[in-house]
């Protein structure tokens, strides 16, 4: 299960990422509902995806 964690508060490597409008809106809403920054939510989503990645899905 995906849970919000604030372990990424000191993230300092900058990258540009392009989102589709619907995904951007969903992420913005989720970040707002959980009182966290958009950036922190994206980092959490990436970590969750990597931690739960299965090579069998390819």
Protein backbone atom coordinates (compact mmCIF):
# COMPACT_ATOMS: atom_id res chain seq x y z
CA UNK A 1 0.00 0.00 0.00
CA UNK A 2 1.22 3.51 -0.83
CA UNK A 3 1.67 5.70 2.25
CA UNK A 4 2.88 9.30 2.41
CA UNK A 5 6.27 9.63 4.09
CA UNK A 6 8.32 12.80 4.51
CA UNK A 7 11.77 11.19 4.21
CA UNK A 8 12.59 13.15 1.02
CA UNK A 9 12.48 16.66 2.46
CA UNK A 10 16.15 17.30 1.61
CA UNK A 11 16.01 16.27 -2.07
CA UNK A 12 18.34 18.60 -3.95
CA UNK A 13 18.92 17.24 -7.46
CA UNK A 14 16.93 19.20 -10.01
CA UNK A 15 15.37 17.57 -13.10
CA UNK A 16 12.68 18.60 -15.55
CA UNK A 17 9.77 16.18 -15.98
CA UNK A 18 6.80 16.61 -18.30
CA UNK A 19 3.41 15.32 -17.16
CA UNK A 20 0.18 14.85 -19.01
CA UNK A 21 -2.45 17.30 -17.82
CA UNK A 22 -4.73 14.64 -16.23
CA UNK A 23 -1.83 13.05 -14.31
CA UNK A 24 -0.56 16.46 -13.18
CA UNK A 25 -4.03 17.36 -11.88
CA UNK A 26 -4.40 14.05 -10.01
CA UNK A 27 -0.99 14.46 -8.38
CA UNK A 28 -1.72 18.07 -7.43
CA UNK A 29 -4.99 17.07 -5.79
CA UNK A 30 -3.37 14.21 -3.89
CA UNK A 31 -0.51 16.44 -2.69
CA UNK A 32 -2.96 19.09 -1.56
CA UNK A 33 -5.19 16.58 0.27
CA UNK A 34 -2.15 15.28 2.17
CA UNK A 35 -0.63 18.70 2.91
CA UNK A 36 2.64 17.89 1.16
CA UNK A 37 4.44 19.44 -1.79
CA UNK A 38 3.94 18.20 -5.32
CA UNK A 39 7.66 17.38 -5.45
CA UNK A 40 7.54 15.27 -2.30
CA UNK A 41 4.58 13.32 -3.66
CA UNK A 42 6.36 12.62 -6.97
CA UNK A 43 9.45 11.40 -5.10
CA UNK A 44 7.28 9.11 -2.97
CA UNK A 45 5.53 7.73 -6.07
CA UNK A 46 8.87 7.01 -7.75
CA UNK A 47 10.24 5.27 -4.66
CA UNK A 48 7.08 3.17 -4.33
CA UNK A 49 7.24 2.17 -8.00
CA UNK A 50 10.90 1.16 -7.75
CA UNK A 51 10.42 -0.72 -4.47
CA UNK A 52 7.50 -2.66 -5.93
CA UNK A 53 8.86 -3.20 -9.43
CA UNK A 54 8.78 -6.75 -10.67
CA UNK A 55 10.97 -7.77 -13.61
CA UNK A 56 8.31 -10.34 -14.44
CA UNK A 57 6.08 -7.47 -15.66
CA UNK A 58 8.26 -6.93 -18.76
